[in-house]
PDB file of N, CA and C in Angstrom:
ATOM      1  N   UNK A   1      77.865-167.349 182.464  1.00  0.00           N
ATOM      2  CA  UNK A   1      79.238-167.558 182.869  1.00  0.00           C
ATOM      3  C   UNK A   1      79.301-167.487 184.393  1.00  0.00           C
ATOM      4  N   UNK A   2      79.949-168.451 185.016  1.00  0.00           N
ATOM      5  CA  UNK A   2      80.062-168.476 186.466  1.00  0.00           C
ATOM      6  C   UNK A   2      81.022-167.392 186.934  1.00  0.00           C
ATOM      7  N   UNK A   3      80.832-166.933 188.161  1.00  0.00           N
ATOM      8  CA  UNK A   3      81.628-165.844 188.714  1.00  0.00           C
ATOM      9  C   UNK A   3      83.133-166.132 188.684  1.00  0.00           C
ATOM     10  N   UNK A   4      83.635-167.316 189.112  1.00  0.00           N
ATOM     11  CA  UNK A   4      85.083-167.551 189.050  1.00  0.00           C
ATOM     12  C   UNK A   4      85.627-167.469 187.619  1.00  0.00           C
ATOM     13  N   UNK A   5      84.862-167.981 186.665  1.00  0.00           N
ATOM     14  CA  UNK A   5      85.301-167.932 185.269  1.00  0.00           C
ATOM     15  C   UNK A   5      85.331-166.491 184.782  1.00  0.00           C
ATOM     16  N   UNK A   6      84.319-165.714 185.137  1.00  0.00           N
ATOM     17  CA  UNK A   6      84.255-164.308 184.762  1.00  0.00           C
ATOM     18  C   UNK A   6      85.423-163.537 185.364  1.00  0.00           C
ATOM     19  N   UNK A   7      85.699-163.773 186.638  1.00  0.00           N
ATOM     20  CA  UNK A   7      86.825-163.085 187.295  1.00  0.00           C
ATOM     21  C   UNK A   7      88.153-163.448 186.648  1.00  0.00           C
ATOM     22  N   UNK A   8      88.339-164.709 186.327  1.00  0.00           N
ATOM     23  CA  UNK A   8      89.569-165.143 185.669  1.00  0.00           C
ATOM     24  C   UNK A   8      89.709-164.453 184.322  1.00  0.00           C
ATOM     25  N   UNK A   9      88.640-164.383 183.554  1.00  0.00           N
ATOM     26  CA  UNK A   9      88.668-163.722 182.244  1.00  0.00           C
ATOM     27  C   UNK A   9      89.011-162.249 182.385  1.00  0.00           C
ATOM     28  N   UNK A  10      88.408-161.587 183.366  1.00  0.00           N
ATOM     29  CA  UNK A  10      88.680-160.173 183.589  1.00  0.00           C
ATOM     30  C   UNK A  10      90.131-159.941 184.000  1.00  0.00           C
ATOM     31  N   UNK A  11      90.646-160.796 184.856  1.00  0.00           N
ATOM     32  CA  UNK A  11      92.037-160.652 185.294  1.00  0.00           C
ATOM     33  C   UNK A  11      93.009-160.870 184.141  1.00  0.00           C
ATOM     34  N   UNK A  12      92.755-161.863 183.301  1.00  0.00           N
ATOM     35  CA  UNK A  12      93.619-162.105 182.149  1.00  0.00           C
ATOM     36  C   UNK A  12      93.555-160.943 181.172  1.00  0.00           C
ATOM     37  N   UNK A  13      92.370-160.411 180.933  1.00  0.00           N
ATOM     38  CA  UNK A  13      92.217-159.269 180.032  1.00  0.00           C
ATOM     39  C   UNK A  13      92.954-158.056 180.578  1.00  0.00           C
ATOM     40  N   UNK A  14      92.874-157.831 181.870  1.00  0.00           N
ATOM     41  CA  UNK A  14      93.566-156.705 182.493  1.00  0.00           C
ATOM     42  C   UNK A  14      95.073-156.861 182.382  1.00  0.00           C
ATOM     43  N   UNK A  15      95.569-158.057 182.608  1.00  0.00           N
ATOM     44  CA  UNK A  15      97.009-158.303 182.520  1.00  0.00           C
ATOM     45  C   UNK A  15      97.509-158.072 181.100  1.00  0.00           C
ATOM     46  N   UNK A  16      96.743-158.508 180.106  1.00  0.00           N
ATOM     47  CA  UNK A  16      97.154-158.311 178.723  1.00  0.00           C
ATOM     48  C   UNK A  16      97.150-156.833 178.367  1.00  0.00           C
ATOM     49  N   UNK A  17      96.173-156.086 178.854  1.00  0.00           N
ATOM     50  CA  UNK A  17      96.105-154.656 178.564  1.00  0.00           C
ATOM     51  C   UNK A  17      97.260-153.913 179.234  1.00  0.00           C
ATOM     52  N   UNK A  18      97.664-154.353 180.415  1.00  0.00           N
ATOM     53  CA  UNK A  18      98.761-153.696 181.126  1.00  0.00           C
ATOM     54  C   UNK A  18     100.084-153.823 180.397  1.00  0.00           C
ATOM     55  N   UNK A  19     100.253-154.860 179.600  1.00  0.00           N
ATOM     56  CA  UNK A  19     101.502-155.027 178.861  1.00  0.00           C
ATOM     57  C   UNK A  19     101.678-153.918 177.842  1.00  0.00           C
ATOM     58  N   UNK A  20     100.607-153.268 177.422  1.00  0.00           N
ATOM     59  CA  UNK A  20     100.699-152.140 176.514  1.00  0.00           C
ATOM     60  C   UNK A  20     101.198-152.531 175.133  1.00  0.00           C
ATOM     61  N   UNK A  21     101.580-151.518 174.379  1.00  0.00           N
ATOM     62  CA  UNK A  21     102.060-151.718 173.025  1.00  0.00           C
ATOM     63  C   UNK A  21     103.574-151.898 173.016  1.00  0.00           C
ATOM     64  N   UNK A  22     104.067-152.467 171.945  1.00  0.00           N
ATOM     65  CA  UNK A  22     105.509-152.682 171.797  1.00  0.00           C
ATOM     66  C   UNK A  22     106.162-151.389 171.299  1.00  0.00           C
ATOM     67  N   UNK A  23     107.279-151.025 171.918  1.00  0.00           N
ATOM     68  CA  UNK A  23     108.024-149.816 171.564  1.00  0.00           C
ATOM     69  C   UNK A  23     109.375-150.175 170.965  1.00  0.00           C
ATOM     70  N   UNK A  24     109.753-149.486 169.900  1.00  0.00           N
ATOM     71  CA  UNK A  24     111.115-149.575 169.384  1.00  0.00           C
ATOM     72  C   UNK A  24     111.912-148.512 170.129  1.00  0.00           C
ATOM     73  N   UNK A  25     112.915-148.940 170.894  1.00  0.00           N
ATOM     74  CA  UNK A  25     113.669-148.016 171.745  1.00  0.00           C
ATOM     75  C   UNK A  25     115.075-147.720 171.219  1.00  0.00           C
ATOM     76  N   UNK A  26     115.469-148.391 170.138  1.00  0.00           N
ATOM     77  CA  UNK A  26     116.777-148.128 169.552  1.00  0.00           C
ATOM     78  C   UNK A  26     116.974-148.923 168.278  1.00  0.00           C
ATOM     79  N   UNK A  27     117.899-148.439 167.445  1.00  0.00           N
ATOM     80  CA  UNK A  27     118.213-149.169 166.211  1.00  0.00           C
ATOM     81  C   UNK A  27     119.515-148.629 165.626  1.00  0.00           C
ATOM     82  N   UNK A  28     120.235-149.508 164.940  1.00  0.00           N
ATOM     83  CA  UNK A  28     121.415-149.113 164.176  1.00  0.00           C
ATOM     84  C   UNK A  28     121.316-149.761 162.801  1.00  0.00           C
ATOM     85  N   UNK A  29     122.059-149.200 161.856  1.00  0.00           N
ATOM     86  CA  UNK A  29     122.052-149.738 160.495  1.00  0.00           C
ATOM     87  C   UNK A  29     123.459-149.661 159.928  1.00  0.00           C
ATOM     88  N   UNK A  30     123.819-150.685 159.147  1.00  0.00           N
ATOM     89  CA  UNK A  30     125.065-150.704 158.381  1.00  0.00           C
ATOM     90  C   UNK A  30     124.700-151.137 156.969  1.00  0.00           C
ATOM     91  N   UNK A  31     125.182-150.380 155.968  1.00  0.00           N
ATOM     92  CA  UNK A  31     124.843-150.665 154.576  1.00  0.00           C
ATOM     93  C   UNK A  31     126.110-150.815 153.748  1.00  0.00           C
ATOM     94  N   UNK A  32     126.033-151.663 152.718  1.00  0.00           N
ATOM     95  CA  UNK A  32     127.145-151.772 151.785  1.00  0.00           C
ATOM     96  C   UNK A  32     126.947-150.755 150.649  1.00  0.00           C
ATOM     97  N   UNK A  33     127.825-150.754 149.679  1.00  0.00           N
ATOM     98  CA  UNK A  33     127.788-149.775 148.592  1.00  0.00           C
ATOM     99  C   UNK A  33     126.505-149.881 147.761  1.00  0.00           C
ATOM    100  N   UNK A  34     125.896-151.062 147.698  1.00  0.00           N
ATOM    101  CA  UNK A  34     124.654-151.249 146.947  1.00  0.00           C
ATOM    102  C   UNK A  34     123.406-150.985 147.799  1.00  0.00           C
ATOM    103  N   UNK A  35     123.617-150.539 149.027  1.00  0.00           N
ATOM    104  CA  UNK A  35     122.553-150.221 149.985  1.00  0.00           C
ATOM    105  C   UNK A  35     121.766-151.449 150.433  1.00  0.00           C
ATOM    106  N   UNK A  36     122.474-152.582 150.516  1.00  0.00           N
ATOM    107  CA  UNK A  36     121.940-153.751 151.212  1.00  0.00           C
ATOM    108  C   UNK A  36     122.320-153.529 152.665  1.00  0.00           C
ATOM    109  N   UNK A  37     121.317-153.459 153.537  1.00  0.00           N
ATOM    110  CA  UNK A  37     121.553-152.999 154.907  1.00  0.00           C
ATOM    111  C   UNK A  37     121.222-154.072 155.945  1.00  0.00           C
ATOM    112  N   UNK A  38     121.948-153.982 157.051  1.00  0.00           N
ATOM    113  CA  UNK A  38     121.668-154.809 158.228  1.00  0.00           C
ATOM    114  C   UNK A  38     121.150-153.873 159.311  1.00  0.00           C
ATOM    115  N   UNK A  39     119.992-154.215 159.859  1.00  0.00           N
ATOM    116  CA  UNK A  39     119.374-153.441 160.927  1.00  0.00           C
ATOM    117  C   UNK A  39     119.438-154.239 162.223  1.00  0.00           C
ATOM    118  N   UNK A  40     119.868-153.594 163.291  1.00  0.00           N
ATOM    119  CA  UNK A  40     119.820-154.149 164.644  1.00  0.00           C
ATOM    120  C   UNK A  40     118.804-153.295 165.403  1.00  0.00           C
ATOM    121  N   UNK A  41     117.710-153.902 165.811  1.00  0.00           N
ATOM    122  CA  UNK A  41     116.581-153.167 166.380  1.00  0.00           C
ATOM    123  C   UNK A  41     116.315-153.645 167.806  1.00  0.00           C
ATOM    124  N   UNK A  42     116.138-152.676 168.707  1.00  0.00           N
ATOM    125  CA  UNK A  42     115.854-152.975 170.109  1.00  0.00           C
ATOM    126  C   UNK A  42     114.399-152.628 170.413  1.00  0.00           C
ATOM    127  N   UNK A  43     113.687-153.622 170.936  1.00  0.00           N
ATOM    128  CA  UNK A  43     112.263-153.504 171.239  1.00  0.00           C
ATOM    129  C   UNK A  43     112.062-153.689 172.738  1.00  0.00           C
ATOM    130  N   UNK A  44     111.134-152.908 173.283  1.00  0.00           N
ATOM    131  CA  UNK A  44     110.722-153.095 174.677  1.00  0.00           C
ATOM    132  C   UNK A  44     109.219-153.351 174.705  1.00  0.00           C
ATOM    133  N   UNK A  45     108.842-154.397 175.425  1.00  0.00           N
ATOM    134  CA  UNK A  45     107.433-154.728 175.599  1.00  0.00           C
ATOM    135  C   UNK A  45     107.310-155.605 176.834  1.00  0.00           C
ATOM    136  N   UNK A  46     106.299-155.368 177.616  1.00  0.00           N
ATOM    137  CA  UNK A  46     106.083-156.172 178.825  1.00  0.00           C
ATOM    138  C   UNK A  46     105.424-157.490 178.432  1.00  0.00           C
ATOM    139  N   UNK A  47     106.181-158.344 177.735  1.00  0.00           N
ATOM    140  CA  UNK A  47     105.640-159.621 177.273  1.00  0.00           C
ATOM    141  C   UNK A  47     105.017-160.389 178.437  1.00  0.00           C
ATOM    142  N   UNK A  48     103.867-160.989 178.154  1.00  0.00           N
ATOM    143  CA  UNK A  48     103.130-161.757 179.162  1.00  0.00           C
ATOM    144  C   UNK A  48     102.892-163.174 178.648  1.00  0.00           C
ATOM    145  N   UNK A  49     103.975-163.824 178.255  1.00  0.00           N
ATOM    146  CA  UNK A  49     103.859-165.175 177.719  1.00  0.00           C
ATOM    147  C   UNK A  49     103.241-165.150 176.328  1.00  0.00           C
ATOM    148  N   UNK A  50     102.710-166.283 175.927  1.00  0.00           N
ATOM    149  CA  UNK A  50     102.162-166.444 174.585  1.00  0.00           C
ATOM    150  C   UNK A  50     100.876-165.657 174.361  1.00  0.00           C
ATOM    151  N   UNK A  51     100.220-165.190 175.416  1.00  0.00           N
ATOM    152  CA  UNK A  51      98.962-164.465 175.253  1.00  0.00           C
ATOM    153  C   UNK A  51      99.166-163.024 174.803  1.00  0.00           C
ATOM    154  N   UNK A  52     100.345-162.445 175.066  1.00  0.00           N
ATOM    155  CA  UNK A  52     100.597-161.040 174.709  1.00  0.00           C
ATOM    156  C   UNK A  52     102.100-160.812 174.642  1.00  0.00           C
ATOM    157  N   UNK A  53     102.617-160.736 173.416  1.00  0.00           N
ATOM    158  CA  UNK A  53     104.054-160.515 173.263  1.00  0.00           C
ATOM    159  C   UNK A  53     104.364-159.761 171.976  1.00  0.00           C
ATOM    160  N   UNK A  54     105.523-159.126 171.927  1.00  0.00           N
ATOM    161  CA  UNK A  54     105.988-158.456 170.713  1.00  0.00           C
ATOM    162  C   UNK A  54     106.314-159.545 169.702  1.00  0.00           C
ATOM    163  N   UNK A  55     105.622-159.512 168.553  1.00  0.00           N
ATOM    164  CA  UNK A  55     105.773-160.610 167.601  1.00  0.00           C
ATOM    165  C   UNK A  55     106.367-160.207 166.246  1.00  0.00           C
ATOM    166  N   UNK A  56     106.684-158.904 166.075  1.00  0.00           N
ATOM    167  CA  UNK A  56     107.259-158.484 164.797  1.00  0.00           C
ATOM    168  C   UNK A  56     107.757-157.045 164.898  1.00  0.00           C
ATOM    169  N   UNK A  57     108.737-156.708 164.065  1.00  0.00           N
ATOM    170  CA  UNK A  57     109.048-155.307 163.810  1.00  0.00           C
ATOM    171  C   UNK A  57     109.270-155.115 162.326  1.00  0.00           C
ATOM    172  N   UNK A  58     109.046-153.868 161.877  1.00  0.00           N
ATOM    173  CA  UNK A  58     109.060-153.566 160.454  1.00  0.00           C
ATOM    174  C   UNK A  58     109.885-152.320 160.162  1.00  0.00           C
ATOM    175  N   UNK A  59     110.495-152.315 158.979  1.00  0.00           N
ATOM    176  CA  UNK A  59     111.239-151.160 158.486  1.00  0.00           C
ATOM    177  C   UNK A  59     110.415-150.557 157.364  1.00  0.00           C
ATOM    178  N   UNK A  60     110.101-149.267 157.490  1.00  0.00           N
ATOM    179  CA  UNK A  60     109.215-148.596 156.550  1.00  0.00           C
ATOM    180  C   UNK A  60     109.904-147.391 155.912  1.00  0.00           C
ATOM    181  N   UNK A  61     109.675-147.210 154.614  1.00  0.00           N
ATOM    182  CA  UNK A  61     110.112-145.994 153.927  1.00  0.00           C
ATOM    183  C   UNK A  61     109.263-144.829 154.435  1.00  0.00           C
ATOM    184  N   UNK A  62     109.697-143.587 154.199  1.00  0.00           N
ATOM    185  CA  UNK A  62     108.903-142.440 154.661  1.00  0.00           C
ATOM    186  C   UNK A  62     107.456-142.442 154.153  1.00  0.00           C
ATOM    187  N   UNK A  63     107.210-143.024 152.975  1.00  0.00           N
ATOM    188  CA  UNK A  63     105.840-143.075 152.443  1.00  0.00           C
ATOM    189  C   UNK A  63     105.038-144.272 152.959  1.00  0.00           C
ATOM    190  N   UNK A  64     105.636-145.070 153.848  1.00  0.00           N
ATOM    191  CA  UNK A  64     104.947-146.215 154.439  1.00  0.00           C
ATOM    192  C   UNK A  64     105.204-147.537 153.744  1.00  0.00           C
ATOM    193  N   UNK A  65     105.958-147.526 152.650  1.00  0.00           N
ATOM    194  CA  UNK A  65     106.284-148.774 151.953  1.00  0.00           C
ATOM    195  C   UNK A  65     107.102-149.681 152.856  1.00  0.00           C
ATOM    196  N   UNK A  66     106.705-150.943 152.945  1.00  0.00           N
ATOM    197  CA  UNK A  66     107.416-151.917 153.772  1.00  0.00           C
ATOM    198  C   UNK A  66     108.713-152.331 153.065  1.00  0.00           C
ATOM    199  N   UNK A  67     109.853-152.101 153.721  1.00  0.00           N
ATOM    200  CA  UNK A  67     111.158-152.476 153.174  1.00  0.00           C
ATOM    201  C   UNK A  67     111.656-153.796 153.734  1.00  0.00           C
ATOM    202  N   UNK A  68     111.257-154.111 154.960  1.00  0.00           N
ATOM    203  CA  UNK A  68     111.692-155.345 155.593  1.00  0.00           C
ATOM    204  C   UNK A  68     110.906-155.591 156.864  1.00  0.00           C
ATOM    205  N   UNK A  69     110.882-156.856 157.295  1.00  0.00           N
ATOM    206  CA  UNK A  69     110.133-157.237 158.488  1.00  0.00           C
ATOM    207  C   UNK A  69     110.829-158.404 159.165  1.00  0.00           C
ATOM    208  N   UNK A  70     110.879-158.365 160.487  1.00  0.00           N
ATOM    209  CA  UNK A  70     111.454-159.454 161.276  1.00  0.00           C
ATOM    210  C   UNK A  70     110.359-160.021 162.164  1.00  0.00           C
ATOM    211  N   UNK A  71     110.021-161.284 161.963  1.00  0.00           N
ATOM    212  CA  UNK A  71     109.047-161.963 162.811  1.00  0.00           C
ATOM    213  C   UNK A  71     109.755-162.477 164.054  1.00  0.00           C
ATOM    214  N   UNK A  72     109.131-162.270 165.200  1.00  0.00           N
ATOM    215  CA  UNK A  72     109.657-162.732 166.484  1.00  0.00           C
ATOM    216  C   UNK A  72     108.828-163.954 166.876  1.00  0.00           C
ATOM    217  N   UNK A  73     109.487-165.093 166.998  1.00  0.00           N
ATOM    218  CA  UNK A  73     108.787-166.374 167.084  1.00  0.00           C
ATOM    219  C   UNK A  73     108.381-166.800 168.487  1.00  0.00           C
ATOM    220  N   UNK A  74     108.776-166.021 169.499  1.00  0.00           N
ATOM    221  CA  UNK A  74     108.426-166.404 170.871  1.00  0.00           C
ATOM    222  C   UNK A  74     108.458-165.181 171.776  1.00  0.00           C
ATOM    223  N   UNK A  75     107.809-165.259 172.940  1.00  0.00           N
ATOM    224  CA  UNK A  75     107.847-164.162 173.906  1.00  0.00           C
ATOM    225  C   UNK A  75     109.259-163.974 174.476  1.00  0.00           C
ATOM    226  N   UNK A  76     109.525-162.771 174.936  1.00  0.00           N
ATOM    227  CA  UNK A  76     110.802-162.435 175.570  1.00  0.00           C
ATOM    228  C   UNK A  76     110.538-161.907 176.988  1.00  0.00           C
ATOM    229  N   UNK A  77     109.796-162.690 177.759  1.00  0.00           N
ATOM    230  CA  UNK A  77     109.391-162.264 179.105  1.00  0.00           C
ATOM    231  C   UNK A  77     110.565-161.860 179.984  1.00  0.00           C
ATOM    232  N   UNK A  78     111.659-162.602 179.913  1.00  0.00           N
ATOM    233  CA  UNK A  78     112.782-162.368 180.831  1.00  0.00           C
ATOM    234  C   UNK A  78     113.942-161.632 180.160  1.00  0.00           C
ATOM    235  N   UNK A  79     113.748-161.146 178.949  1.00  0.00           N
ATOM    236  CA  UNK A  79     114.801-160.446 178.220  1.00  0.00           C
ATOM    237  C   UNK A  79     114.227-159.134 177.693  1.00  0.00           C
ATOM    238  N   UNK A  80     114.275-158.097 178.505  1.00  0.00           N
ATOM    239  CA  UNK A  80     113.705-156.807 178.133  1.00  0.00           C
ATOM    240  C   UNK A  80     114.677-155.687 178.456  1.00  0.00           C
ATOM    241  N   UNK A  81     114.887-154.739 177.572  1.00  0.00           N
ATOM    242  CA  UNK A  81     114.518-154.841 176.164  1.00  0.00           C
ATOM    243  C   UNK A  81     115.393-155.878 175.469  1.00  0.00           C
ATOM    244  N   UNK A  82     115.043-156.224 174.232  1.00  0.00           N
ATOM    245  CA  UNK A  82     115.814-157.221 173.490  1.00  0.00           C
ATOM    246  C   UNK A  82     116.135-156.681 172.093  1.00  0.00           C
ATOM    247  N   UNK A  83     117.242-157.145 171.533  1.00  0.00           N
ATOM    248  CA  UNK A  83     117.690-156.693 170.214  1.00  0.00           C
ATOM    249  C   UNK A  83     117.763-157.880 169.269  1.00  0.00           C
ATOM    250  N   UNK A  84     117.224-157.694 168.076  1.00  0.00           N
ATOM    251  CA  UNK A  84     117.302-158.698 167.022  1.00  0.00           C
ATOM    252  C   UNK A  84     117.694-158.007 165.725  1.00  0.00           C
ATOM    253  N   UNK A  85     118.262-158.780 164.796  1.00  0.00           N
ATOM    254  CA  UNK A  85     118.796-158.232 163.553  1.00  0.00           C
ATOM    255  C   UNK A  85     118.025-158.725 162.344  1.00  0.00           C
ATOM    256  N   UNK A  86     118.147-157.953 161.279  1.00  0.00           N
ATOM    257  CA  UNK A  86     117.620-158.330 159.975  1.00  0.00           C
ATOM    258  C   UNK A  86     118.637-157.868 158.941  1.00  0.00           C
ATOM    259  N   UNK A  87     119.096-158.804 158.119  1.00  0.00           N
ATOM    260  CA  UNK A  87     120.120-158.505 157.117  1.00  0.00           C
ATOM    261  C   UNK A  87     119.532-158.465 155.717  1.00  0.00           C
ATOM    262  N   UNK A  88     120.309-157.878 154.821  1.00  0.00           N
ATOM    263  CA  UNK A  88     120.020-157.864 153.388  1.00  0.00           C
ATOM    264  C   UNK A  88     118.712-157.153 153.046  1.00  0.00           C
ATOM    265  N   UNK A  89     118.466-156.026 153.717  1.00  0.00           N
ATOM    266  CA  UNK A  89     117.314-155.187 153.397  1.00  0.00           C
ATOM    267  C   UNK A  89     117.787-154.167 152.369  1.00  0.00           C
ATOM    268  N   UNK A  90     117.194-154.182 151.202  1.00  0.00           N
ATOM    269  CA  UNK A  90     117.567-153.236 150.151  1.00  0.00           C
ATOM    270  C   UNK A  90     116.822-151.924 150.380  1.00  0.00           C
ATOM    271  N   UNK A  91     117.602-150.853 150.585  1.00  0.00           N
ATOM    272  CA  UNK A  91     117.021-149.528 150.783  1.00  0.00           C
ATOM    273  C   UNK A  91     117.335-148.697 149.538  1.00  0.00           C
ATOM    274  N   UNK A  92     116.318-148.298 148.784  1.00  0.00           N
ATOM    275  CA  UNK A  92     116.559-147.519 147.571  1.00  0.00           C
ATOM    276  C   UNK A  92     117.368-146.251 147.840  1.00  0.00           C
ATOM    277  N   UNK A  93     118.154-145.849 146.851  1.00  0.00           N
ATOM    278  CA  UNK A  93     119.070-144.714 147.001  1.00  0.00           C
ATOM    279  C   UNK A  93     118.367-143.414 147.373  1.00  0.00           C
ATOM    280  N   UNK A  94     117.142-143.232 146.937  1.00  0.00           N
ATOM    281  CA  UNK A  94     116.421-141.988 147.207  1.00  0.00           C
ATOM    282  C   UNK A  94     115.980-141.869 148.668  1.00  0.00           C
ATOM    283  N   UNK A  95     116.003-142.960 149.411  1.00  0.00           N
ATOM    284  CA  UNK A  95     115.520-142.945 150.798  1.00  0.00           C
ATOM    285  C   UNK A  95     116.660-142.565 151.740  1.00  0.00           C
ATOM    286  N   UNK A  96     116.435-141.518 152.507  1.00  0.00           N
ATOM    287  CA  UNK A  96     117.444-141.019 153.457  1.00  0.00           C
ATOM    288  C   UNK A  96     117.161-141.418 154.904  1.00  0.00           C
ATOM    289  N   UNK A  97     115.888-141.680 155.208  1.00  0.00           N
ATOM    290  CA  UNK A  97     115.506-142.113 156.559  1.00  0.00           C
ATOM    291  C   UNK A  97     114.457-143.209 156.455  1.00  0.00           C
ATOM    292  N   UNK A  98     114.388-144.039 157.489  1.00  0.00           N
ATOM    293  CA  UNK A  98     113.342-145.054 157.606  1.00  0.00           C
ATOM    294  C   UNK A  98     112.696-144.936 158.974  1.00  0.00           C
ATOM    295  N   UNK A  99     111.492-145.475 159.073  1.00  0.00           N
ATOM    296  CA  UNK A  99     110.805-145.604 160.356  1.00  0.00           C
ATOM    297  C   UNK A  99     110.802-147.078 160.714  1.00  0.00           C
ATOM    298  N   UNK A 100     110.972-147.361 161.980  1.00  0.00           N
ATOM    299  CA  UNK A 100     110.902-148.740 162.454  1.00  0.00           C
ATOM    300  C   UNK A 100     109.806-148.795 163.508  1.00  0.00           C
ATOM    301  N   UNK A 101     108.885-149.731 163.319  1.00  0.00           N
ATOM    302  CA  UNK A 101     107.785-149.873 164.275  1.00  0.00           C
ATOM    303  C   UNK A 101     107.672-151.328 164.692  1.00  0.00           C
ATOM    304  N   UNK A 102     107.155-151.519 165.896  1.00  0.00           N
ATOM    305  CA  UNK A 102     106.958-152.858 166.438  1.00  0.00           C
ATOM    306  C   UNK A 102     105.473-153.205 166.423  1.00  0.00           C
ATOM    307  N   UNK A 103     105.210-154.473 166.552  1.00  0.00           N
ATOM    308  CA  UNK A 103     103.851-155.024 166.519  1.00  0.00           C
ATOM    309  C   UNK A 103     103.748-156.009 167.673  1.00  0.00           C
ATOM    310  N   UNK A 104     102.594-156.043 168.345  1.00  0.00           N
ATOM    311  CA  UNK A 104     102.406-157.081 169.355  1.00  0.00           C
ATOM    312  C   UNK A 104     101.130-157.853 169.080  1.00  0.00           C
ATOM    313  N   UNK A 105     101.027-159.005 169.708  1.00  0.00           N
ATOM    314  CA  UNK A 105      99.963-159.961 169.405  1.00  0.00           C
ATOM    315  C   UNK A 105      98.583-159.519 169.872  1.00  0.00           C
ATOM    316  N   UNK A 106      98.486-158.480 170.681  1.00  0.00           N
ATOM    317  CA  UNK A 106      97.190-157.995 171.160  1.00  0.00           C
ATOM    318  C   UNK A 106      96.807-156.672 170.493  1.00  0.00           C
ATOM    319  N   UNK A 107      97.702-155.687 170.525  1.00  0.00           N
ATOM    320  CA  UNK A 107      97.388-154.347 170.025  1.00  0.00           C
ATOM    321  C   UNK A 107      97.695-154.148 168.547  1.00  0.00           C
ATOM    322  N   UNK A 108      98.480-155.022 167.953  1.00  0.00           N
ATOM    323  CA  UNK A 108      98.901-154.810 166.572  1.00  0.00           C
ATOM    324  C   UNK A 108      99.995-153.765 166.521  1.00  0.00           C
ATOM    325  N   UNK A 109      99.998-152.954 165.450  1.00  0.00           N
ATOM    326  CA  UNK A 109     100.984-151.882 165.329  1.00  0.00           C
ATOM    327  C   UNK A 109     100.694-150.812 166.366  1.00  0.00           C
ATOM    328  N   UNK A 110     101.733-150.209 166.869  1.00  0.00           N
ATOM    329  CA  UNK A 110     101.539-149.143 167.846  1.00  0.00           C
ATOM    330  C   UNK A 110     102.782-148.974 168.674  1.00  0.00           C
ATOM    331  N   UNK A 111     102.685-148.155 169.672  1.00  0.00           N
ATOM    332  CA  UNK A 111     103.840-147.901 170.507  1.00  0.00           C
ATOM    333  C   UNK A 111     104.805-146.927 169.831  1.00  0.00           C
ATOM    334  N   UNK A 112     105.923-146.703 170.487  1.00  0.00           N
ATOM    335  CA  UNK A 112     106.907-145.748 169.996  1.00  0.00           C
ATOM    336  C   UNK A 112     107.614-146.291 168.763  1.00  0.00           C
ATOM    337  N   UNK A 113     107.703-145.462 167.737  1.00  0.00           N
ATOM    338  CA  UNK A 113     108.467-145.788 166.540  1.00  0.00           C
ATOM    339  C   UNK A 113     109.835-145.142 166.647  1.00  0.00           C
ATOM    340  N   UNK A 114     110.752-145.559 165.782  1.00  0.00           N
ATOM    341  CA  UNK A 114     112.122-145.046 165.792  1.00  0.00           C
ATOM    342  C   UNK A 114     112.470-144.615 164.371  1.00  0.00           C
ATOM    343  N   UNK A 115     112.965-143.403 164.222  1.00  0.00           N
ATOM    344  CA  UNK A 115     113.411-142.933 162.916  1.00  0.00           C
ATOM    345  C   UNK A 115     114.918-143.052 162.830  1.00  0.00           C
ATOM    346  N   UNK A 116     115.402-143.558 161.710  1.00  0.00           N
ATOM    347  CA  UNK A 116     116.825-143.849 161.565  1.00  0.00           C
ATOM    348  C   UNK A 116     117.318-143.307 160.228  1.00  0.00           C
ATOM    349  N   UNK A 117     118.425-142.572 160.255  1.00  0.00           N
ATOM    350  CA  UNK A 117     119.051-142.077 159.029  1.00  0.00           C
ATOM    351  C   UNK A 117     119.816-143.211 158.366  1.00  0.00           C
ATOM    352  N   UNK A 118     119.745-143.267 157.049  1.00  0.00           N
ATOM    353  CA  UNK A 118     120.471-144.275 156.279  1.00  0.00           C
ATOM    354  C   UNK A 118     121.749-143.633 155.744  1.00  0.00           C
ATOM    355  N   UNK A 119     122.899-144.231 156.018  1.00  0.00           N
ATOM    356  CA  UNK A 119     124.157-143.615 155.572  1.00  0.00           C
ATOM    357  C   UNK A 119     124.324-143.673 154.054  1.00  0.00           C
TER     358      UNK A 119
END
């Protein structure tokens, strides 16, 4: 590998690593009587274009069961933090709290999670 190509690769790798993991920094929930819920989730991530961006967030029961997931279809380089919604998530009556975690295209799951009480 030639030196300029190697340097470019190293710089791109460093930039992607600097973006870090995606953090869930806030969330709200509204549920109907049947516990069909709408989640509004705020994610922060130093998106770096298509090479490294927050690409999903998930709602998990306390035992880790996936209750819902929102795929993020593009980077949000100029909109940080950003909030997106997911409707019609059925939360079983026995569940009193959920965890919300974000995922990014480089690190996968990680970063700060958010715990939310279900009314």
